[in-house]
């Protein structure tokens, strides 16, 4: 592995607040998904 790390404050660094939308990625392994519940759970995006 490449062991370089982004430091806090660098481009792309995550802070634990609502300013950084959260998401999921899914395929057929997740089966049937209730997307209304997913949205209500705070998920902003999905691949």
ModelCIF file with pLDDT and N, C-alpha, C, O atoms, coordinates in Angstrom:
data_MODEL
#
_entry.id   MODEL 
#
_entity.id                         1 
_entity.type                       polymer 
_entity.pdbx_number_of_molecules   1 
#
_entity_poly.entity_id                      1 
_entity_poly.type                           'polypeptide(L)' 
_entity_poly.nstd_linkage                   no 
_entity_poly.nstd_monomer                   no 
_entity_poly.pdbx_seq_one_letter_code       
;(UNK)(UNK)(UNK)(UNK)(UNK)(UNK)(UNK)(UNK)(UNK)(UNK)(UNK)(UNK)(UNK)(UNK)(UNK)(UNK)
(UNK)(UNK)(UNK)(UNK)(UNK)(UNK)(UNK)(UNK)(UNK)(UNK)(UNK)(UNK)(UNK)(UNK)(UNK)(UNK)
(UNK)(UNK)(UNK)(UNK)(UNK)(UNK)(UNK)(UNK)(UNK)(UNK)(UNK)(UNK)(UNK)(UNK)(UNK)
;
_entity_poly.pdbx_seq_one_letter_code_can   XXXXXXXXXXXXXXXXXXXXXXXXXXXXXXXXXXXXXXXXXXXXXXX 
_entity_poly.pdbx_strand_id                 A 
#
loop_
_entity_poly_seq.entity_id 
_entity_poly_seq.num 
_entity_poly_seq.mon_id 
_entity_poly_seq.hetero 
1 1  UNK n 
1 2  UNK n 
1 3  UNK n 
1 4  UNK n 
1 5  UNK n 
1 6  UNK n 
1 7  UNK n 
1 8  UNK n 
1 9  UNK n 
1 10 UNK n 
1 11 UNK n 
1 12 UNK n 
1 13 UNK n 
1 14 UNK n 
1 15 UNK n 
1 16 UNK n 
1 17 UNK n 
1 18 UNK n 
1 19 UNK n 
1 20 UNK n 
1 21 UNK n 
1 22 UNK n 
1 23 UNK n 
1 24 UNK n 
1 25 UNK n 
1 26 UNK n 
1 27 UNK n 
1 28 UNK n 
1 29 UNK n 
1 30 UNK n 
1 31 UNK n 
1 32 UNK n 
1 33 UNK n 
1 34 UNK n 
1 35 UNK n 
1 36 UNK n 
1 37 UNK n 
1 38 UNK n 
1 39 UNK n 
1 40 UNK n 
1 41 UNK n 
1 42 UNK n 
1 43 UNK n 
1 44 UNK n 
1 45 UNK n 
1 46 UNK n 
1 47 UNK n 
#
_struct_asym.id          A 
_struct_asym.entity_id   1 
#
loop_
_ma_qa_metric.id 
_ma_qa_metric.mode 
_ma_qa_metric.name 
_ma_qa_metric.software_group_id 
_ma_qa_metric.type 
1 global pLDDT . pLDDT 
2 local  pLDDT . pLDDT 
#
_ma_qa_metric_global.metric_id      1 
_ma_qa_metric_global.metric_value   72.83 
_ma_qa_metric_global.model_id       1 
_ma_qa_metric_global.ordinal_id     1 
#
loop_
_ma_qa_metric_local.label_asym_id 
_ma_qa_metric_local.label_comp_id 
_ma_qa_metric_local.label_seq_id 
_ma_qa_metric_local.metric_id 
_ma_qa_metric_local.metric_value 
_ma_qa_metric_local.model_id 
_ma_qa_metric_local.ordinal_id 
A UNK 1  2 36.00 1 1  
A UNK 2  2 34.00 1 2  
A UNK 3  2 36.00 1 3  
A UNK 4  2 31.00 1 4  
A UNK 5  2 34.00 1 5  
A UNK 6  2 32.00 1 6  
A UNK 7  2 32.00 1 7  
A UNK 8  2 32.00 1 8  
A UNK 9  2 34.00 1 9  
A UNK 10 2 34.00 1 10 
A UNK 11 2 36.00 1 11 
A UNK 12 2 34.00 1 12 
A UNK 13 2 33.00 1 13 
A UNK 14 2 33.00 1 14 
A UNK 15 2 35.00 1 15 
A UNK 16 2 35.00 1 16 
A UNK 17 2 38.00 1 17 
A UNK 18 2 55.00 1 18 
A UNK 19 2 79.00 1 19 
A UNK 20 2 89.00 1 20 
A UNK 21 2 96.00 1 21 
A UNK 22 2 97.00 1 22 
A UNK 23 2 98.00 1 23 
A UNK 24 2 98.00 1 24 
A UNK 25 2 98.00 1 25 
A UNK 26 2 98.00 1 26 
A UNK 27 2 97.00 1 27 
A UNK 28 2 96.00 1 28 
A UNK 29 2 95.00 1 29 
A UNK 30 2 96.00 1 30 
A UNK 31 2 96.00 1 31 
A UNK 32 2 97.00 1 32 
A UNK 33 2 98.00 1 33 
A UNK 34 2 98.00 1 34 
A UNK 35 2 98.00 1 35 
A UNK 36 2 98.00 1 36 
A UNK 37 2 97.00 1 37 
A UNK 38 2 97.00 1 38 
A UNK 39 2 97.00 1 39 
A UNK 40 2 96.00 1 40 
A UNK 41 2 96.00 1 41 
A UNK 42 2 96.00 1 42 
A UNK 43 2 97.00 1 43 
A UNK 44 2 97.00 1 44 
A UNK 45 2 98.00 1 45 
A UNK 46 2 98.00 1 46 
A UNK 47 2 98.00 1 47 
#
loop_
_atom_site.group_PDB 
_atom_site.id 
_atom_site.type_symbol 
_atom_site.label_atom_id 
_atom_site.label_alt_id 
_atom_site.label_comp_id 
_atom_site.label_asym_id 
_atom_site.label_entity_id 
_atom_site.label_seq_id 
_atom_site.pdbx_PDB_ins_code 
_atom_site.Cartn_x 
_atom_site.Cartn_y 
_atom_site.Cartn_z 
_atom_site.occupancy 
_atom_site.B_iso_or_equiv 
_atom_site.pdbx_formal_charge 
_atom_site.auth_seq_id 
_atom_site.auth_comp_id 
_atom_site.auth_asym_id 
_atom_site.auth_atom_id 
_atom_site.pdbx_PDB_model_num 
ATOM 1   N N  . UNK A 1 1  ? 0.811   -1.216 0.000  1.00 36.00 ? 1  UNK A N  1 
ATOM 2   C CA . UNK A 1 1  ? 0.000   0.000  0.000  1.00 36.00 ? 1  UNK A CA 1 
ATOM 3   C C  . UNK A 1 1  ? 0.844   1.265  0.000  1.00 36.00 ? 1  UNK A C  1 
ATOM 4   O O  . UNK A 1 1  ? 1.996   1.268  0.432  1.00 36.00 ? 1  UNK A O  1 
ATOM 5   N N  . UNK A 1 2  ? 0.244   2.330  -0.491 1.00 34.00 ? 2  UNK A N  1 
ATOM 6   C CA . UNK A 1 2  ? 0.814   3.668  -0.361 1.00 34.00 ? 2  UNK A CA 1 
ATOM 7   C C  . UNK A 1 2  ? 0.332   4.204  0.979  1.00 34.00 ? 2  UNK A C  1 
ATOM 8   O O  . UNK A 1 2  ? -0.874  4.264  1.219  1.00 34.00 ? 2  UNK A O  1 
ATOM 9   N N  . UNK A 1 3  ? 1.232   4.588  1.840  1.00 36.00 ? 3  UNK A N  1 
ATOM 10  C CA . UNK A 1 3  ? 0.854   4.953  3.200  1.00 36.00 ? 3  UNK A CA 1 
ATOM 11  C C  . UNK A 1 3  ? 0.635   6.449  3.397  1.00 36.00 ? 3  UNK A C  1 
ATOM 12  O O  . UNK A 1 3  ? 0.446   6.896  4.528  1.00 36.00 ? 3  UNK A O  1 
ATOM 13  N N  . UNK A 1 4  ? 0.657   7.248  2.297  1.00 31.00 ? 4  UNK A N  1 
ATOM 14  C CA . UNK A 1 4  ? 0.379   8.672  2.465  1.00 31.00 ? 4  UNK A CA 1 
ATOM 15  C C  . UNK A 1 4  ? -1.026  8.874  3.006  1.00 31.00 ? 4  UNK A C  1 
ATOM 16  O O  . UNK A 1 4  ? -1.946  8.141  2.643  1.00 31.00 ? 4  UNK A O  1 
ATOM 17  N N  . UNK A 1 5  ? -1.195  9.863  3.869  1.00 34.00 ? 5  UNK A N  1 
ATOM 18  C CA . UNK A 1 5  ? -2.495  10.177 4.441  1.00 34.00 ? 5  UNK A CA 1 
ATOM 19  C C  . UNK A 1 5  ? -2.817  11.643 4.196  1.00 34.00 ? 5  UNK A C  1 
ATOM 20  O O  . UNK A 1 5  ? -1.931  12.496 4.256  1.00 34.00 ? 5  UNK A O  1 
ATOM 21  N N  . UNK A 1 6  ? -4.086  11.938 3.921  1.00 32.00 ? 6  UNK A N  1 
ATOM 22  C CA . UNK A 1 6  ? -4.530  13.319 3.955  1.00 32.00 ? 6  UNK A CA 1 
ATOM 23  C C  . UNK A 1 6  ? -4.583  13.775 5.405  1.00 32.00 ? 6  UNK A C  1 
ATOM 24  O O  . UNK A 1 6  ? -4.954  12.997 6.284  1.00 32.00 ? 6  UNK A O  1 
ATOM 25  N N  . UNK A 1 7  ? -4.220  15.015 5.666  1.00 32.00 ? 7  UNK A N  1 
ATOM 26  C CA . UNK A 1 7  ? -4.332  15.557 7.005  1.00 32.00 ? 7  UNK A CA 1 
ATOM 27  C C  . UNK A 1 7  ? -5.615  16.362 7.102  1.00 32.00 ? 7  UNK A C  1 
ATOM 28  O O  . UNK A 1 7  ? -6.136  16.833 6.091  1.00 32.00 ? 7  UNK A O  1 
ATOM 29  N N  . UNK A 1 8  ? -6.123  16.521 8.309  1.00 32.00 ? 8  UNK A N  1 
ATOM 30  C CA . UNK A 1 8  ? -7.333  17.297 8.495  1.00 32.00 ? 8  UNK A CA 1 
ATOM 31  C C  . UNK A 1 8  ? -7.120  18.710 7.971  1.00 32.00 ? 8  UNK A C  1 
ATOM 32  O O  . UNK A 1 8  ? -6.100  19.345 8.240  1.00 32.00 ? 8  UNK A O  1 
ATOM 33  N N  . UNK A 1 9  ? -8.088  19.178 7.232  1.00 34.00 ? 9  UNK A N  1 
ATOM 34  C CA . UNK A 1 9  ? -7.987  20.497 6.627  1.00 34.00 ? 9  UNK A CA 1 
ATOM 35  C C  . UNK A 1 9  ? -7.494  20.448 5.200  1.00 34.00 ? 9  UNK A C  1 
ATOM 36  O O  . UNK A 1 9  ? -7.627  21.430 4.470  1.00 34.00 ? 9  UNK A O  1 
ATOM 37  N N  . UNK A 1 10 ? -6.928  19.326 4.781  1.00 34.00 ? 10 UNK A N  1 
ATOM 38  C CA . UNK A 1 10 ? -6.494  19.188 3.394  1.00 34.00 ? 10 UNK A CA 1 
ATOM 39  C C  . UNK A 1 10 ? -7.707  18.975 2.505  1.00 34.00 ? 10 UNK A C  1 
ATOM 40  O O  . UNK A 1 10 ? -8.775  18.632 3.012  1.00 34.00 ? 10 UNK A O  1 
ATOM 41  N N  . UNK A 1 11 ? -7.579  19.168 1.176  1.00 36.00 ? 11 UNK A N  1 
ATOM 42  C CA . UNK A 1 11 ? -8.719  18.948 0.290  1.00 36.00 ? 11 UNK A CA 1 
ATOM 43  C C  . UNK A 1 11 ? -9.286  17.547 0.468  1.00 36.00 ? 11 UNK A C  1 
ATOM 44  O O  . UNK A 1 11 ? -8.560  16.556 0.392  1.00 36.00 ? 11 UNK A O  1 
ATOM 45  N N  . UNK A 1 12 ? -10.577 17.479 0.702  1.00 34.00 ? 12 UNK A N  1 
ATOM 46  C CA . UNK A 1 12 ? -11.228 16.182 0.824  1.00 34.00 ? 12 UNK A CA 1 
ATOM 47  C C  . UNK A 1 12 ? -11.275 15.610 2.229  1.00 34.00 ? 12 UNK A C  1 
ATOM 48  O O  . UNK A 1 12 ? -11.839 14.533 2.421  1.00 34.00 ? 12 UNK A O  1 
ATOM 49  N N  . UNK A 1 13 ? -10.712 16.278 3.208  1.00 33.00 ? 13 UNK A N  1 
ATOM 50  C CA . UNK A 1 13 ? -10.731 15.728 4.554  1.00 33.00 ? 13 UNK A CA 1 
ATOM 51  C C  . UNK A 1 13 ? -12.160 15.713 5.105  1.00 33.00 ? 13 UNK A C  1 
ATOM 52  O O  . UNK A 1 13 ? -12.922 16.658 4.901  1.00 33.00 ? 13 UNK A O  1 
ATOM 53  N N  . UNK A 1 14 ? -12.511 14.637 5.799  1.00 33.00 ? 14 UNK A N  1 
ATOM 54  C CA . UNK A 1 14 ? -13.858 14.496 6.337  1.00 33.00 ? 14 UNK A CA 1 
ATOM 55  C C  . UNK A 1 14 ? -13.931 15.073 7.738  1.00 33.00 ? 14 UNK A C  1 
ATOM 56  O O  . UNK A 1 14 ? -13.053 14.828 8.564  1.00 33.00 ? 14 UNK A O  1 
ATOM 57  N N  . UNK A 1 15 ? -14.969 15.834 8.003  1.00 35.00 ? 15 UNK A N  1 
ATOM 58  C CA . UNK A 1 15 ? -15.292 16.231 9.362  1.00 35.00 ? 15 UNK A CA 1 
ATOM 59  C C  . UNK A 1 15 ? -16.669 15.668 9.678  1.00 35.00 ? 15 UNK A C  1 
ATOM 60  O O  . UNK A 1 15 ? -17.526 15.607 8.796  1.00 35.00 ? 15 UNK A O  1 
ATOM 61  N N  . UNK A 1 16 ? -16.895 15.258 10.910 1.00 35.00 ? 16 UNK A N  1 
ATOM 62  C CA . UNK A 1 16 ? -18.140 14.563 11.238 1.00 35.00 ? 16 UNK A CA 1 
ATOM 63  C C  . UNK A 1 16 ? -19.315 15.519 11.413 1.00 35.00 ? 16 UNK A C  1 
ATOM 64  O O  . UNK A 1 16 ? -19.807 15.702 12.526 1.00 35.00 ? 16 UNK A O  1 
ATOM 65  N N  . UNK A 1 17 ? -19.770 16.134 10.310 1.00 38.00 ? 17 UNK A N  1 
ATOM 66  C CA . UNK A 1 17 ? -20.930 16.995 10.385 1.00 38.00 ? 17 UNK A CA 1 
ATOM 67  C C  . UNK A 1 17 ? -21.729 16.899 9.102  1.00 38.00 ? 17 UNK A C  1 
ATOM 68  O O  . UNK A 1 17 ? -21.319 16.233 8.152  1.00 38.00 ? 17 UNK A O  1 
ATOM 69  N N  . UNK A 1 18 ? -22.883 17.574 9.077  1.00 55.00 ? 18 UNK A N  1 
ATOM 70  C CA . UNK A 1 18 ? -23.806 17.449 7.957  1.00 55.00 ? 18 UNK A CA 1 
ATOM 71  C C  . UNK A 1 18 ? -23.276 18.089 6.687  1.00 55.00 ? 18 UNK A C  1 
ATOM 72  O O  . UNK A 1 18 ? -23.892 17.946 5.631  1.00 55.00 ? 18 UNK A O  1 
ATOM 73  N N  . UNK A 1 19 ? -22.155 18.790 6.758  1.00 79.00 ? 19 UNK A N  1 
ATOM 74  C CA . UNK A 1 19 ? -21.602 19.420 5.566  1.00 79.00 ? 19 UNK A CA 1 
ATOM 75  C C  . UNK A 1 19 ? -21.046 18.401 4.586  1.00 79.00 ? 19 UNK A C  1 
ATOM 76  O O  . UNK A 1 19 ? -20.855 18.720 3.413  1.00 79.00 ? 19 UNK A O  1 
ATOM 77  N N  . UNK A 1 20 ? -20.785 17.199 5.036  1.00 89.00 ? 20 UNK A N  1 
ATOM 78  C CA . UNK A 1 20 ? -20.268 16.142 4.167  1.00 89.00 ? 20 UNK A CA 1 
ATOM 79  C C  . UNK A 1 20 ? -21.347 15.082 3.974  1.00 89.00 ? 20 UNK A C  1 
ATOM 80  O O  . UNK A 1 20 ? -21.524 14.221 4.835  1.00 89.00 ? 20 UNK A O  1 
ATOM 81  N N  . UNK A 1 21 ? -22.068 15.132 2.857  1.00 96.00 ? 21 UNK A N  1 
ATOM 82  C CA . UNK A 1 21 ? -23.146 14.157 2.635  1.00 96.00 ? 21 UNK A CA 1 
ATOM 83  C C  . UNK A 1 21 ? -22.636 12.725 2.699  1.00 96.00 ? 21 UNK A C  1 
ATOM 84  O O  . UNK A 1 21 ? -21.492 12.441 2.344  1.00 96.00 ? 21 UNK A O  1 
ATOM 85  N N  . UNK A 1 22 ? -23.497 11.836 3.155  1.00 97.00 ? 22 UNK A N  1 
ATOM 86  C CA . UNK A 1 22 ? -23.141 10.423 3.258  1.00 97.00 ? 22 UNK A CA 1 
ATOM 87  C C  . UNK A 1 22 ? -23.934 9.626  2.232  1.00 97.00 ? 22 UNK A C  1 
ATOM 88  O O  . UNK A 1 22 ? -25.032 10.010 1.831  1.00 97.00 ? 22 UNK A O  1 
ATOM 89  N N  . UNK A 1 23 ? -23.340 8.488  1.813  1.00 98.00 ? 23 UNK A N  1 
ATOM 90  C CA . UNK A 1 23 ? -23.973 7.686  0.780  1.00 98.00 ? 23 UNK A CA 1 
ATOM 91  C C  . UNK A 1 23 ? -23.709 6.207  0.962  1.00 98.00 ? 23 UNK A C  1 
ATOM 92  O O  . UNK A 1 23 ? -23.118 5.772  1.950  1.00 98.00 ? 23 UNK A O  1 
ATOM 93  N N  . UNK A 1 24 ? -24.162 5.449  -0.019 1.00 98.00 ? 24 UNK A N  1 
ATOM 94  C CA . UNK A 1 24 ? -23.994 4.000  -0.051 1.00 98.00 ? 24 UNK A CA 1 
ATOM 95  C C  . UNK A 1 24 ? -23.659 3.576  -1.468 1.00 98.00 ? 24 UNK A C  1 
ATOM 96  O O  . UNK A 1 24 ? -23.823 4.357  -2.406 1.00 98.00 ? 24 UNK A O  1 
ATOM 97  N N  . UNK A 1 25 ? -23.190 2.346  -1.635 1.00 98.00 ? 25 UNK A N  1 
ATOM 98  C CA . UNK A 1 25 ? -23.115 1.729  -2.954 1.00 98.00 ? 25 UNK A CA 1 
ATOM 99  C C  . UNK A 1 25 ? -23.713 0.336  -2.857 1.00 98.00 ? 25 UNK A C  1 
ATOM 100 O O  . UNK A 1 25 ? -23.503 -0.379 -1.878 1.00 98.00 ? 25 UNK A O  1 
ATOM 101 N N  . UNK A 1 26 ? -24.463 -0.039 -3.891 1.00 98.00 ? 26 UNK A N  1 
ATOM 102 C CA . UNK A 1 26 ? -25.255 -1.266 -3.825 1.00 98.00 ? 26 UNK A CA 1 
ATOM 103 C C  . UNK A 1 26 ? -25.215 -2.020 -5.152 1.00 98.00 ? 26 UNK A C  1 
ATOM 104 O O  . UNK A 1 26 ? -24.874 -1.472 -6.200 1.00 98.00 ? 26 UNK A O  1 
ATOM 105 N N  . UNK A 1 27 ? -25.576 -3.290 -5.063 1.00 97.00 ? 27 UNK A N  1 
ATOM 106 C CA . UNK A 1 27 ? -25.746 -4.149 -6.237 1.00 97.00 ? 27 UNK A CA 1 
ATOM 107 C C  . UNK A 1 27 ? -26.848 -5.144 -5.898 1.00 97.00 ? 27 UNK A C  1 
ATOM 108 O O  . UNK A 1 27 ? -27.573 -4.960 -4.921 1.00 97.00 ? 27 UNK A O  1 
ATOM 109 N N  . UNK A 1 28 ? -26.978 -6.200 -6.704 1.00 96.00 ? 28 UNK A N  1 
ATOM 110 C CA . UNK A 1 28 ? -28.035 -7.180 -6.432 1.00 96.00 ? 28 UNK A CA 1 
ATOM 111 C C  . UNK A 1 28 ? -27.828 -7.919 -5.115 1.00 96.00 ? 28 UNK A C  1 
ATOM 112 O O  . UNK A 1 28 ? -28.765 -8.536 -4.607 1.00 96.00 ? 28 UNK A O  1 
ATOM 113 N N  . UNK A 1 29 ? -26.617 -7.871 -4.550 1.00 95.00 ? 29 UNK A N  1 
ATOM 114 C CA . UNK A 1 29 ? -26.380 -8.546 -3.274 1.00 95.00 ? 29 UNK A CA 1 
ATOM 115 C C  . UNK A 1 29 ? -27.188 -7.927 -2.132 1.00 95.00 ? 29 UNK A C  1 
ATOM 116 O O  . UNK A 1 29 ? -27.404 -8.576 -1.108 1.00 95.00 ? 29 UNK A O  1 
ATOM 117 N N  . UNK A 1 30 ? -27.636 -6.679 -2.297 1.00 96.00 ? 30 UNK A N  1 
ATOM 118 C CA . UNK A 1 30 ? -28.451 -6.049 -1.259 1.00 96.00 ? 30 UNK A CA 1 
ATOM 119 C C  . UNK A 1 30 ? -29.926 -6.441 -1.366 1.00 96.00 ? 30 UNK A C  1 
ATOM 120 O O  . UNK A 1 30 ? -30.712 -6.098 -0.483 1.00 96.00 ? 30 UNK A O  1 
ATOM 121 N N  . UNK A 1 31 ? -30.310 -7.138 -2.408 1.00 96.00 ? 31 UNK A N  1 
ATOM 122 C CA . UNK A 1 31 ? -31.705 -7.537 -2.556 1.00 96.00 ? 31 UNK A CA 1 
ATOM 123 C C  . UNK A 1 31 ? -32.609 -6.345 -2.813 1.00 96.00 ? 31 UNK A C  1 
ATOM 124 O O  . UNK A 1 31 ? -32.186 -5.337 -3.378 1.00 96.00 ? 31 UNK A O  1 
ATOM 125 N N  . UNK A 1 32 ? -33.858 -6.474 -2.392 1.00 97.00 ? 32 UNK A N  1 
ATOM 126 C CA . UNK A 1 32 ? -34.832 -5.399 -2.578 1.00 97.00 ? 32 UNK A CA 1 
ATOM 127 C C  . UNK A 1 32 ? -34.576 -4.287 -1.567 1.00 97.00 ? 32 UNK A C  1 
ATOM 128 O O  . UNK A 1 32 ? -34.440 -4.542 -0.371 1.00 97.00 ? 32 UNK A O  1 
ATOM 129 N N  . UNK A 1 33 ? -34.513 -3.058 -2.057 1.00 98.00 ? 33 UNK A N  1 
ATOM 130 C CA . UNK A 1 33 ? -34.191 -1.904 -1.218 1.00 98.00 ? 33 UNK A CA 1 
ATOM 131 C C  . UNK A 1 33 ? -35.390 -0.968 -1.140 1.00 98.00 ? 33 UNK A C  1 
ATOM 132 O O  . UNK A 1 33 ? -36.030 -0.682 -2.152 1.00 98.00 ? 33 UNK A O  1 
ATOM 133 N N  . UNK A 1 34 ? -35.690 -0.494 0.062  1.00 98.00 ? 34 UNK A N  1 
ATOM 134 C CA . UNK A 1 34 ? -36.716 0.524  0.264  1.00 98.00 ? 34 UNK A CA 1 
ATOM 135 C C  . UNK A 1 34 ? -36.039 1.886  0.223  1.00 98.00 ? 34 UNK A C  1 
ATOM 136 O O  . UNK A 1 34 ? -35.506 2.353  1.229  1.00 98.00 ? 34 UNK A O  1 
ATOM 137 N N  . UNK A 1 35 ? -36.061 2.513  -0.932 1.00 98.00 ? 35 UNK A N  1 
ATOM 138 C CA . UNK A 1 35 ? -35.301 3.747  -1.118 1.00 98.00 ? 35 UNK A CA 1 
ATOM 139 C C  . UNK A 1 35 ? -35.906 4.928  -0.352 1.00 98.00 ? 35 UNK A C  1 
ATOM 140 O O  . UNK A 1 35 ? -35.186 5.865  -0.006 1.00 98.00 ? 35 UNK A O  1 
ATOM 141 N N  . UNK A 1 36 ? -37.199 4.899  -0.086 1.00 98.00 ? 36 UNK A N  1 
ATOM 142 C CA . UNK A 1 36 ? -37.794 5.953  0.734  1.00 98.00 ? 36 UNK A CA 1 
ATOM 143 C C  . UNK A 1 36 ? -37.223 5.910  2.143  1.00 98.00 ? 36 UNK A C  1 
ATOM 144 O O  . UNK A 1 36 ? -36.933 6.950  2.734  1.00 98.00 ? 36 UNK A O  1 
ATOM 145 N N  . UNK A 1 37 ? -37.064 4.703  2.681  1.00 97.00 ? 37 UNK A N  1 
ATOM 146 C CA . UNK A 1 37 ? -36.455 4.560  4.008  1.00 97.00 ? 37 UNK A CA 1 
ATOM 147 C C  . UNK A 1 37 ? -34.989 4.947  3.986  1.00 97.00 ? 37 UNK A C  1 
ATOM 148 O O  . UNK A 1 37 ? -34.488 5.551  4.935  1.00 97.00 ? 37 UNK A O  1 
ATOM 149 N N  . UNK A 1 38 ? -34.294 4.599  2.902  1.00 97.00 ? 38 UNK A N  1 
ATOM 150 C CA . UNK A 1 38 ? -32.881 4.974  2.758  1.00 97.00 ? 38 UNK A CA 1 
ATOM 151 C C  . UNK A 1 38 ? -32.735 6.492  2.798  1.00 97.00 ? 38 UNK A C  1 
ATOM 152 O O  . UNK A 1 38 ? -31.868 7.020  3.495  1.00 97.00 ? 38 UNK A O  1 
ATOM 153 N N  . UNK A 1 39 ? -33.580 7.186  2.053  1.00 97.00 ? 39 UNK A N  1 
ATOM 154 C CA . UNK A 1 39 ? -33.538 8.649  2.049  1.00 97.00 ? 39 UNK A CA 1 
ATOM 155 C C  . UNK A 1 39 ? -33.849 9.212  3.424  1.00 97.00 ? 39 UNK A C  1 
ATOM 156 O O  . UNK A 1 39 ? -33.181 10.139 3.884  1.00 97.00 ? 39 UNK A O  1 
ATOM 157 N N  . UNK A 1 40 ? -34.861 8.656  4.085  1.00 96.00 ? 40 UNK A N  1 
ATOM 158 C CA . UNK A 1 40 ? -35.245 9.130  5.418  1.00 96.00 ? 40 UNK A CA 1 
ATOM 159 C C  . UNK A 1 40 ? -34.144 8.903  6.445  1.00 96.00 ? 40 UNK A C  1 
ATOM 160 O O  . UNK A 1 40 ? -34.070 9.610  7.450  1.00 96.00 ? 40 UNK A O  1 
ATOM 161 N N  . UNK A 1 41 ? -33.272 7.897  6.186  1.00 96.00 ? 41 UNK A N  1 
ATOM 162 C CA . UNK A 1 41 ? -32.158 7.603  7.086  1.00 96.00 ? 41 UNK A CA 1 
ATOM 163 C C  . UNK A 1 41 ? -31.006 8.590  6.929  1.00 96.00 ? 41 UNK A C  1 
ATOM 164 O O  . UNK A 1 41 ? -30.011 8.500  7.648  1.00 96.00 ? 41 UNK A O  1 
ATOM 165 N N  . UNK A 1 42 ? -31.130 9.523  6.002  1.00 96.00 ? 42 UNK A N  1 
ATOM 166 C CA . UNK A 1 42 ? -30.101 10.554 5.839  1.00 96.00 ? 42 UNK A CA 1 
ATOM 167 C C  . UNK A 1 42 ? -29.125 10.302 4.718  1.00 96.00 ? 42 UNK A C  1 
ATOM 168 O O  . UNK A 1 42 ? -28.131 11.016 4.592  1.00 96.00 ? 42 UNK A O  1 
ATOM 169 N N  . UNK A 1 43 ? -29.388 9.295  3.897  1.00 97.00 ? 43 UNK A N  1 
ATOM 170 C CA . UNK A 1 43 ? -28.499 9.000  2.768  1.00 97.00 ? 43 UNK A CA 1 
ATOM 171 C C  . UNK A 1 43 ? -28.770 9.990  1.640  1.00 97.00 ? 43 UNK A C  1 
ATOM 172 O O  . UNK A 1 43 ? -29.901 10.115 1.171  1.00 97.00 ? 43 UNK A O  1 
ATOM 173 N N  . UNK A 1 44 ? -27.733 10.683 1.215  1.00 97.00 ? 44 UNK A N  1 
ATOM 174 C CA . UNK A 1 44 ? -27.870 11.707 0.180  1.00 97.00 ? 44 UNK A CA 1 
ATOM 175 C C  . UNK A 1 44 ? -27.587 11.187 -1.218 1.00 97.00 ? 44 UNK A C  1 
ATOM 176 O O  . UNK A 1 44 ? -28.163 11.670 -2.193 1.00 97.00 ? 44 UNK A O  1 
ATOM 177 N N  . UNK A 1 45 ? -26.683 10.181 -1.324 1.00 98.00 ? 45 UNK A N  1 
ATOM 178 C CA . UNK A 1 45 ? -26.290 9.712  -2.651 1.00 98.00 ? 45 UNK A CA 1 
ATOM 179 C C  . UNK A 1 45 ? -26.020 8.219  -2.638 1.00 98.00 ? 45 UNK A C  1 
ATOM 180 O O  . UNK A 1 45 ? -25.826 7.613  -1.584 1.00 98.00 ? 45 UNK A O  1 
ATOM 181 N N  . UNK A 1 46 ? -26.012 7.638  -3.832 1.00 98.00 ? 46 UNK A N  1 
ATOM 182 C CA . UNK A 1 46 ? -25.749 6.206  -3.965 1.00 98.00 ? 46 UNK A CA 1 
ATOM 183 C C  . UNK A 1 46 ? -25.115 5.929  -5.317 1.00 98.00 ? 46 UNK A C  1 
ATOM 184 O O  . UNK A 1 46 ? -25.447 6.566  -6.317 1.00 98.00 ? 46 UNK A O  1 
ATOM 185 N N  . UNK A 1 47 ? -24.200 4.971  -5.333 1.00 98.00 ? 47 UNK A N  1 
ATOM 186 C CA . UNK A 1 47 ? -23.732 4.397  -6.592 1.00 98.00 ? 47 UNK A CA 1 
ATOM 187 C C  . UNK A 1 47 ? -24.295 2.985  -6.697 1.00 98.00 ? 47 UNK A C  1 
ATOM 188 O O  . UNK A 1 47 ? -24.040 2.290  -7.680 1.00 98.00 ? 47 UNK A O  1 
#
